Amino acid sequence: MIYFLKKKLKGAVYFLAGVVMGVVLVFPWMSLQGQSPFNPALRGMVLLRVEDKGQAWYVYPEDGRRYYLGRPIDAWRIMTKLGLGISDADLKKIPLAEGQFDFPPLGRNGRVVKFMKLVPIDISDNDLDRLAQAGIKVVGGYHGLEQGADKTLVWLDRLEQRGMQAIINLANESSWTDPDTIYPEWQSDKVVDFVKKIRHHPAIWGYDISNEAGENLVNGYKYGQRITLSQLRQAASDVRQADPQRPLLLRMHYWDDEDGDFGPDNPFAADLVDVVMLNLYSNYSLDGRKPSLPNMIADSGQKIINKIRQVDPNVKIWLAVAAFAEKPKFLLPAKADLTRDVSAALLLDIDGLGFYGWGSPLYHWYLPRDADYLLSVIDN
């Protein structure tokens, strides 16, 4: 929650002047000109004593009594017991803000969002602290709705504690694969139900609805099928209806200006998503011995960005560079390789720069174990 502190008075008691869409306004007690905490004007508010161990009470509107909130779990129990709540029908009556999402100043002349991909849901606290120290503000995981809302919310809580946010993965098999068909099928009901259960969490940055048109799904690598543009439109519509406040993102396989424009294997259209994440992995190798396009970012990056913006001039561009290995197709990058890629990327008209990826000590790739020398590049 965001707190706006009007004024600090020594020894004063402050109260919360209400909670509206997750924003809490804090005003000094003294501004009430001597009104008692039992005054009807204070009903429904939370009173904070900033001294004396920071005690807090909730003034219940029905009887005007103060309820001591104590520990966070005590406060949660009291609020859930006494709170009136709101029905879905009444919530829909509240008008939504119009216009574009409020992105911070980004790009070549501003600050670029720094993100890390491949962050597991069971990442250790030490690793999360390490990412926060490196200036990572946004993370993405390979897990999706198959982990369930409860486990996802715990992960989001841990991110929020460190001032980080997550891009929720709705691009893996749990969102797109139907085991009874060779074609990818959007699991609309399951996805919408999942989003509605987690959408209240402030650590959600946005939602990722597709990775390279499903090339990495079982339908893609086994049967050669791709997610279609009409399917992407349906996915975008479903997620926006479930959570209209967050941006949508898709990841795109588009490595050089000869890689083919937008068609069945690379669907894209105006107003489809808010962010396109370009996966430009310069460690890709055709022969398993040397990179095939080591300078792809410098040679083709801006050309690809221009083509995307010809289709949608308003879309934001994030770029992901290679900080991983998966032989024989993806070779282990040297420190000089990642430095080259980052330097080239920061010359482009991008809004975010990320790294694929962190991994886990339980999996075949774990950045701190397998290429710790790359961490200094990420830090800087």
Protein backbone atom coordinates (compact mmCIF):
# COMPACT_ATOMS: atom_id res chain seq x y z
CA MET A 1 0.00 0.00 0.00
CA ILE A 2 1.05 3.60 -0.63
CA TYR A 3 1.10 6.02 2.28
CA PHE A 4 0.90 9.80 1.93
CA LEU A 5 2.07 11.47 5.17
CA LYS A 6 0.75 15.01 5.42
CA LYS A 7 2.67 16.12 8.50
CA LYS A 8 4.61 14.65 11.40
CA LEU A 9 3.79 15.83 14.91
CA LYS A 10 5.83 14.71 17.93
CA GLY A 11 3.83 12.43 20.22
CA ALA A 12 0.79 12.65 17.96
CA VAL A 13 -1.62 9.90 17.08
CA TYR A 14 -2.26 9.41 13.37
CA PHE A 15 -5.23 7.80 11.76
CA LEU A 16 -5.89 6.25 8.37
CA ALA A 17 -8.45 8.33 6.57
CA GLY A 18 -9.72 5.46 4.47
CA VAL A 19 -8.69 2.83 1.99
CA VAL A 20 -9.65 3.42 -1.63
CA MET A 21 -8.38 1.01 -4.31
CA GLY A 22 -5.33 0.13 -2.25
CA VAL A 23 -4.27 3.72 -1.47
CA VAL A 24 -4.12 4.75 2.18
CA LEU A 25 -4.16 8.40 3.18
CA VAL A 26 -2.56 9.26 6.51
CA PHE A 27 -3.41 12.49 8.36
CA PRO A 28 -2.30 13.70 11.80
CA TRP A 29 -4.68 13.35 14.70
CA MET A 30 -4.12 16.96 15.69
CA SER A 31 -5.67 18.12 12.42
CA LEU A 32 -9.02 17.00 13.83
CA GLN A 33 -8.84 19.84 16.38
CA GLY A 34 -9.39 17.73 19.47
CA GLN A 35 -12.02 15.31 18.19
CA SER A 36 -12.23 12.17 20.33
CA PRO A 37 -11.50 8.72 18.89
CA PHE A 38 -15.07 7.83 19.89
CA ASN A 39 -16.45 10.60 17.71
CA PRO A 40 -18.73 9.18 14.96
CA ALA A 41 -16.47 10.84 12.36
CA LEU A 42 -13.76 8.30 13.22
CA ARG A 43 -15.88 5.20 12.73
CA GLY A 44 -14.50 2.86 10.08
CA MET A 45 -10.97 4.22 10.48
CA VAL A 46 -7.75 2.71 11.80
CA LEU A 47 -6.03 4.71 14.53
CA LEU A 48 -2.25 4.59 14.81
CA ARG A 49 -0.21 5.70 17.80
CA VAL A 50 3.22 6.37 16.28
CA GLU A 51 4.89 6.13 19.68
CA ASP A 52 4.34 3.59 22.49
CA LYS A 53 5.30 0.59 20.30
CA GLY A 54 3.17 1.73 17.38
CA GLN A 55 -0.18 0.48 18.64
CA ALA A 56 -3.12 0.39 16.25
CA TRP A 57 -6.89 0.09 16.65
CA TYR A 58 -9.80 -0.28 14.29
CA VAL A 59 -12.95 1.73 15.10
CA TYR A 60 -15.87 -0.49 14.10
CA PRO A 61 -18.62 1.61 12.42
CA GLU A 62 -21.50 -0.42 13.89
CA ASP A 63 -20.74 0.10 17.60
CA GLY A 64 -17.97 2.74 17.67
CA ARG A 65 -15.71 0.42 19.70
CA ARG A 66 -11.96 0.24 19.17
CA TYR A 67 -10.48 -3.19 18.36
CA TYR A 68 -6.77 -3.65 19.01
CA LEU A 69 -5.05 -4.90 15.85
CA GLY A 70 -1.87 -6.23 17.46
CA ARG A 71 0.13 -8.49 15.14
CA PRO A 72 -0.46 -8.49 11.37
CA ILE A 73 -2.32 -11.79 11.61
CA ASP A 74 -4.56 -10.33 14.35
CA ALA A 75 -5.32 -7.32 12.16
CA TRP A 76 -6.17 -9.58 9.24
CA ARG A 77 -8.56 -11.67 11.34
CA ILE A 78 -10.34 -8.62 12.73
CA MET A 79 -10.69 -6.97 9.33
CA THR A 80 -11.99 -10.12 7.66
CA LYS A 81 -14.44 -10.70 10.53
CA LEU A 82 -15.76 -7.14 10.77
CA GLY A 83 -15.25 -5.87 7.20
CA LEU A 84 -18.33 -5.54 5.03
CA GLY A 85 -16.62 -6.49 1.78
CA ILE A 86 -18.05 -5.86 -1.67
CA SER A 87 -19.84 -8.08 -4.16
CA ASP A 88 -18.56 -8.63 -7.69
CA ALA A 89 -21.73 -6.94 -8.97
CA ASP A 90 -21.11 -3.78 -6.93
CA LEU A 91 -17.39 -3.78 -7.76
CA LYS A 92 -18.22 -3.70 -11.46
CA LYS A 93 -20.20 -0.48 -10.91
CA ILE A 94 -17.00 1.40 -10.04
CA PRO A 95 -15.81 3.07 -13.27
CA LEU A 96 -12.32 2.17 -14.47
CA ALA A 97 -9.76 4.81 -15.28
CA GLU A 98 -9.32 5.46 -18.98
CA GLY A 99 -6.20 6.02 -21.00
CA GLN A 100 -2.81 4.34 -21.19
CA PHE A 101 -1.10 2.58 -18.33
CA ASP A 102 1.11 4.86 -16.29
CA PHE A 103 4.54 3.63 -17.34
CA PRO A 104 7.54 5.38 -15.76
CA PRO A 105 9.87 7.38 -18.04
CA LEU A 106 11.77 4.79 -20.06
CA GLY A 107 13.88 4.27 -23.14
CA ARG A 108 17.09 5.78 -24.46
CA ASN A 109 16.45 9.11 -22.76
CA GLY A 110 15.10 7.69 -19.50
CA ARG A 111 15.31 4.77 -17.15
CA VAL A 112 15.07 1.22 -18.50
CA VAL A 113 13.21 -1.41 -16.47
CA LYS A 114 15.61 -4.16 -15.39
CA PHE A 115 14.10 -7.65 -15.20
CA MET A 116 15.12 -11.27 -14.69
CA LYS A 117 13.48 -14.27 -16.32
CA LEU A 118 13.39 -17.90 -15.20
CA VAL A 119 12.79 -17.08 -11.52
CA PRO A 120 11.28 -20.16 -9.81
CA ILE A 121 8.36 -20.00 -7.41
CA ASP A 122 10.46 -21.71 -4.72
CA ILE A 123 13.45 -19.37 -5.10
CA SER A 124 15.38 -18.94 -1.86
CA ASP A 125 15.27 -15.76 0.19
CA ASN A 126 19.01 -15.34 -0.37
CA ASP A 127 18.53 -15.44 -4.13
CA LEU A 128 15.66 -12.95 -4.00
CA ASP A 129 17.82 -10.63 -1.91
CA ARG A 130 20.61 -11.03 -4.45
CA LEU A 131 18.27 -10.06 -7.30
CA ALA A 132 17.01 -7.04 -5.39
CA GLN A 133 20.58 -5.92 -4.70
CA ALA A 134 21.30 -6.18 -8.43
CA GLY A 135 18.53 -3.67 -9.12
CA ILE A 136 16.08 -6.19 -10.60
CA LYS A 137 12.62 -4.64 -10.38
CA VAL A 138 10.54 -7.17 -12.33
CA VAL A 139 10.82 -10.96 -12.52
CA GLY A 140 9.21 -13.64 -14.62
CA GLY A 141 8.84 -17.33 -13.80
CA TYR A 142 8.34 -20.42 -15.92
CA HIS A 143 5.60 -21.58 -13.55
CA GLY A 144 2.00 -20.63 -14.25
CA LEU A 145 -1.47 -21.36 -13.03
CA GLU A 146 -0.56 -25.02 -12.42
CA GLN A 147 1.02 -23.87 -9.13
CA GLY A 148 -2.33 -22.58 -7.90
CA ALA A 149 -3.35 -19.19 -6.56
CA ASP A 150 -2.31 -19.76 -2.94
CA LYS A 151 1.28 -20.65 -3.75
CA THR A 152 1.49 -17.84 -6.28
CA LEU A 153 0.29 -15.31 -3.71
CA VAL A 154 3.00 -16.41 -1.27
CA TRP A 155 5.59 -15.86 -4.04
CA LEU A 156 4.13 -12.41 -4.70
CA ASP A 157 4.27 -11.57 -0.99
CA ARG A 158 7.99 -12.34 -0.95
CA LEU A 159 8.57 -10.15 -3.99
CA GLU A 160 6.59 -7.29 -2.51
CA GLN A 161 8.74 -7.38 0.63
CA ARG A 162 11.74 -6.57 -1.58
CA GLY A 163 10.08 -3.89 -3.70
CA MET A 164 9.82 -6.21 -6.72
CA GLN A 165 6.98 -7.18 -9.05
CA ALA A 166 6.17 -10.18 -11.22
CA ILE A 167 5.01 -10.82 -14.75
CA ILE A 168 2.55 -13.67 -14.33
CA ASN A 169 3.22 -16.47 -16.81
CA LEU A 170 0.08 -17.36 -18.75
CA ALA A 171 2.12 -18.64 -21.69
CA ASN A 172 3.04 -22.18 -20.61
CA GLU A 173 1.27 -25.52 -21.03
CA SER A 174 -1.12 -24.98 -18.13
CA SER A 175 -2.69 -22.04 -20.00
CA TRP A 176 -2.46 -23.27 -23.59
CA THR A 177 -2.24 -27.05 -23.91
CA ASP A 178 -5.16 -29.39 -24.35
CA PRO A 179 -3.92 -32.99 -24.04
CA ASP A 180 -6.64 -34.23 -26.39
CA THR A 181 -5.50 -32.30 -29.45
CA ILE A 182 -2.29 -31.54 -31.32
CA TYR A 183 -3.32 -27.87 -31.52
CA PRO A 184 -2.75 -25.37 -28.71
CA GLU A 185 -6.00 -24.42 -27.01
CA TRP A 186 -6.42 -21.44 -24.70
CA GLN A 187 -7.73 -22.62 -21.33
CA SER A 188 -10.04 -19.65 -20.91
CA ASP A 189 -12.06 -20.65 -17.82
CA LYS A 190 -9.03 -21.85 -15.86
CA VAL A 191 -6.98 -18.76 -16.67
CA VAL A 192 -9.75 -16.29 -15.83
CA ASP A 193 -10.46 -18.05 -12.53
CA PHE A 194 -6.75 -17.95 -11.62
CA VAL A 195 -6.35 -14.26 -12.52
CA LYS A 196 -9.40 -13.27 -10.47
CA LYS A 197 -7.93 -15.02 -7.43
CA ILE A 198 -4.60 -13.17 -7.56
CA ARG A 199 -5.39 -9.83 -9.26
CA HIS A 200 -5.66 -7.92 -5.99
CA HIS A 201 -1.95 -8.36 -5.22
CA PRO A 202 0.15 -5.20 -5.68
CA ALA A 203 3.25 -7.19 -6.69
CA ILE A 204 1.71 -8.12 -10.05
CA TRP A 205 3.26 -6.04 -12.83
CA GLY A 206 1.37 -7.64 -15.69
CA TYR A 207 0.55 -10.86 -17.56
CA ASP A 208 2.50 -12.74 -20.24
CA ILE A 209 0.08 -14.45 -22.64
CA SER A 210 2.42 -16.04 -25.22
CA ASN A 211 6.02 -17.14 -25.69
CA GLU A 212 7.12 -17.24 -29.32
CA ALA A 213 3.61 -18.19 -30.50
CA GLY A 214 3.73 -21.48 -28.61
CA GLU A 215 6.87 -22.81 -30.27
CA ASN A 216 8.02 -24.24 -26.93
CA LEU A 217 4.70 -25.86 -26.06
CA VAL A 218 4.26 -29.58 -26.71
CA ASN A 219 1.97 -28.64 -29.61
CA GLY A 220 4.81 -26.56 -31.06
CA TYR A 221 7.94 -28.67 -30.75
CA LYS A 222 6.19 -32.02 -31.26
CA TYR A 223 3.59 -31.17 -33.90
CA GLY A 224 4.80 -27.87 -35.33
CA GLN A 225 1.59 -26.04 -34.43
CA ARG A 226 1.49 -22.38 -33.41
CA ILE A 227 -0.86 -20.14 -31.46
CA THR A 228 -2.91 -18.15 -33.98
CA LEU A 229 -3.61 -14.43 -33.99
CA SER A 230 -7.30 -15.05 -33.26
CA GLN A 231 -6.33 -17.16 -30.25
CA LEU A 232 -4.04 -14.39 -29.00
CA ARG A 233 -6.88 -11.90 -29.34
CA GLN A 234 -9.13 -14.16 -27.27
CA ALA A 235 -6.44 -14.62 -24.62
CA ALA A 236 -5.84 -10.87 -24.42
CA SER A 237 -9.57 -10.17 -24.15
CA ASP A 238 -10.06 -12.74 -21.37
CA VAL A 239 -7.18 -11.49 -19.25
CA ARG A 240 -8.10 -7.83 -19.73
CA GLN A 241 -11.65 -8.53 -18.61
CA ALA A 242 -10.39 -10.41 -15.55
CA ASP A 243 -7.86 -7.69 -14.65
CA PRO A 244 -8.24 -4.51 -16.71
CA GLN A 245 -5.66 -2.61 -14.63
CA ARG A 246 -2.49 -4.49 -15.64
CA PRO A 247 -0.46 -4.48 -18.89
CA LEU A 248 -0.29 -7.52 -21.18
CA LEU A 249 2.94 -8.83 -22.65
CA LEU A 250 4.00 -11.37 -25.24
CA ARG A 251 7.44 -12.74 -25.99
CA MET A 252 8.52 -12.82 -29.61
CA HIS A 253 10.96 -15.00 -31.56
CA TYR A 254 12.37 -12.63 -34.18
CA TRP A 255 16.16 -12.76 -34.24
CA ASP A 256 17.17 -10.84 -37.34
CA ASP A 257 15.62 -8.82 -40.13
CA GLU A 258 15.65 -11.91 -42.39
CA ASP A 259 13.78 -14.03 -39.86
CA GLY A 260 10.41 -13.39 -41.40
CA ASP A 261 7.81 -10.78 -40.67
CA PHE A 262 4.42 -11.20 -39.04
CA GLY A 263 2.54 -14.26 -40.20
CA PRO A 264 1.29 -17.65 -38.96
CA ASP A 265 4.57 -18.45 -37.16
CA ASN A 266 4.91 -14.96 -35.69
CA PRO A 267 1.42 -13.47 -35.15
CA PHE A 268 1.13 -9.84 -34.09
CA ALA A 269 -1.31 -6.95 -34.52
CA ALA A 270 -1.96 -3.45 -33.27
CA ASP A 271 -3.53 -3.11 -29.81
CA LEU A 272 -2.95 -6.78 -29.07
CA VAL A 273 -0.64 -6.28 -26.07
CA ASP A 274 1.01 -3.40 -24.22
CA VAL A 275 4.56 -4.80 -24.26
CA VAL A 276 6.50 -6.95 -26.72
CA MET A 277 9.48 -8.72 -25.20
CA LEU A 278 12.06 -9.55 -27.86
CA ASN A 279 14.06 -12.67 -27.03
CA LEU A 280 17.36 -11.82 -28.76
CA TYR A 281 19.69 -14.63 -27.68
CA SER A 282 23.04 -14.16 -29.37
CA ASN A 283 24.36 -17.49 -28.03
CA TYR A 284 22.17 -19.48 -30.44
CA SER A 285 24.24 -21.94 -32.49
CA LEU A 286 23.35 -23.95 -35.57
CA ASP A 287 26.39 -26.20 -35.37
CA GLY A 288 26.78 -26.42 -31.57
CA ARG A 289 30.30 -24.94 -31.73
CA LYS A 290 29.99 -21.19 -32.27
CA PRO A 291 27.21 -18.60 -32.15
CA SER A 292 25.40 -18.13 -35.45
CA LEU A 293 24.45 -14.48 -34.94
CA PRO A 294 26.73 -13.07 -32.22
CA ASN A 295 25.99 -9.44 -33.20
CA MET A 296 22.26 -9.85 -33.77
CA ILE A 297 21.35 -7.04 -31.34
CA ALA A 298 23.62 -4.43 -32.90
CA ASP A 299 22.95 -5.59 -36.47
CA SER A 300 19.19 -6.13 -36.39
CA GLY A 301 17.74 -4.95 -33.09
CA GLN A 302 16.52 -1.51 -34.12
CA LYS A 303 15.30 -2.78 -37.50
CA ILE A 304 13.10 -5.34 -35.73
CA ILE A 305 11.83 -2.75 -33.26
CA ASN A 306 10.93 -0.44 -36.15
CA LYS A 307 8.97 -3.22 -37.85
CA ILE A 308 7.04 -3.92 -34.66
CA ARG A 309 6.21 -0.25 -34.22
CA GLN A 310 5.06 0.02 -37.81
CA VAL A 311 2.30 -2.38 -36.77
CA ASP A 312 1.68 -0.82 -33.34
CA PRO A 313 3.31 2.59 -32.74
CA ASN A 314 2.26 2.61 -29.07
CA VAL A 315 3.62 -0.75 -27.96
CA LYS A 316 6.48 -0.83 -25.46
CA ILE A 317 9.57 -2.89 -26.32
CA TRP A 318 11.47 -4.94 -23.77
CA LEU A 319 14.57 -6.86 -24.80
CA ALA A 320 15.86 -10.07 -23.20
CA VAL A 321 19.50 -11.09 -23.64
CA ALA A 322 21.19 -14.44 -23.10
CA ALA A 323 22.60 -15.23 -19.66
CA PHE A 324 22.18 -19.00 -19.88
CA ALA A 325 23.32 -22.14 -21.69
CA GLU A 326 21.38 -25.08 -23.08
CA LYS A 327 23.73 -27.02 -25.31
CA PRO A 328 23.97 -27.76 -28.13
CA LYS A 329 21.64 -24.99 -29.37
CA PHE A 330 22.56 -22.30 -26.83
CA LEU A 331 26.21 -21.91 -25.89
CA LEU A 332 27.56 -20.62 -22.59
CA PRO A 333 28.18 -16.87 -23.02
CA ALA A 334 31.44 -15.32 -21.86
CA LYS A 335 31.43 -12.16 -19.78
CA ALA A 336 32.49 -10.23 -22.88
CA ASP A 337 29.48 -11.63 -24.80
CA LEU A 338 26.95 -10.42 -22.25
CA THR A 339 28.73 -7.06 -21.95
CA ARG A 340 28.53 -6.66 -25.74
CA ASP A 341 24.82 -7.54 -25.79
CA VAL A 342 23.91 -5.19 -22.94
CA SER A 343 25.91 -2.32 -24.45
CA ALA A 344 24.23 -2.80 -27.83
CA ALA A 345 20.77 -3.12 -26.28
CA LEU A 346 21.05 0.14 -24.34
CA LEU A 347 21.61 2.01 -27.60
CA LEU A 348 18.21 0.86 -28.88
CA ASP A 349 14.80 2.42 -28.36
CA ILE A 350 13.74 -0.01 -25.65
CA ASP A 351 11.77 0.32 -22.44
CA GLY A 352 13.09 -2.70 -20.56
CA LEU A 353 16.23 -4.85 -20.48
CA GLY A 354 16.21 -8.34 -19.05
CA PHE A 355 18.24 -11.47 -18.66
CA TYR A 356 17.39 -15.09 -19.35
CA GLY A 357 17.76 -16.29 -16.78
CA TRP A 358 18.18 -17.20 -13.10
CA GLY A 359 17.18 -20.86 -12.86
CA SER A 360 17.35 -23.11 -9.82
CA PRO A 361 19.99 -25.28 -8.11
CA LEU A 362 17.61 -28.20 -8.74
CA TYR A 363 17.64 -27.71 -12.53
CA HIS A 364 20.17 -27.94 -15.31
CA TRP A 365 20.72 -24.17 -15.26
CA TYR A 366 21.38 -22.00 -12.20
CA LEU A 367 23.08 -18.71 -12.91
CA PRO A 368 24.96 -18.28 -9.59
CA ARG A 369 26.34 -21.82 -9.92
CA ASP A 370 26.97 -22.14 -13.64
CA ALA A 371 28.05 -18.62 -14.67
CA ASP A 372 28.56 -16.47 -11.59
CA TYR A 373 30.98 -14.30 -13.59
CA LEU A 374 27.96 -12.91 -15.48
CA LEU A 375 26.48 -11.47 -12.30
CA SER A 376 28.87 -8.52 -12.32
CA VAL A 377 27.55 -7.51 -15.76
CA ILE A 378 23.97 -7.79 -14.53
CA ASP A 379 24.79 -5.78 -11.40
CA ASN A 380 26.18 -2.90 -13.45
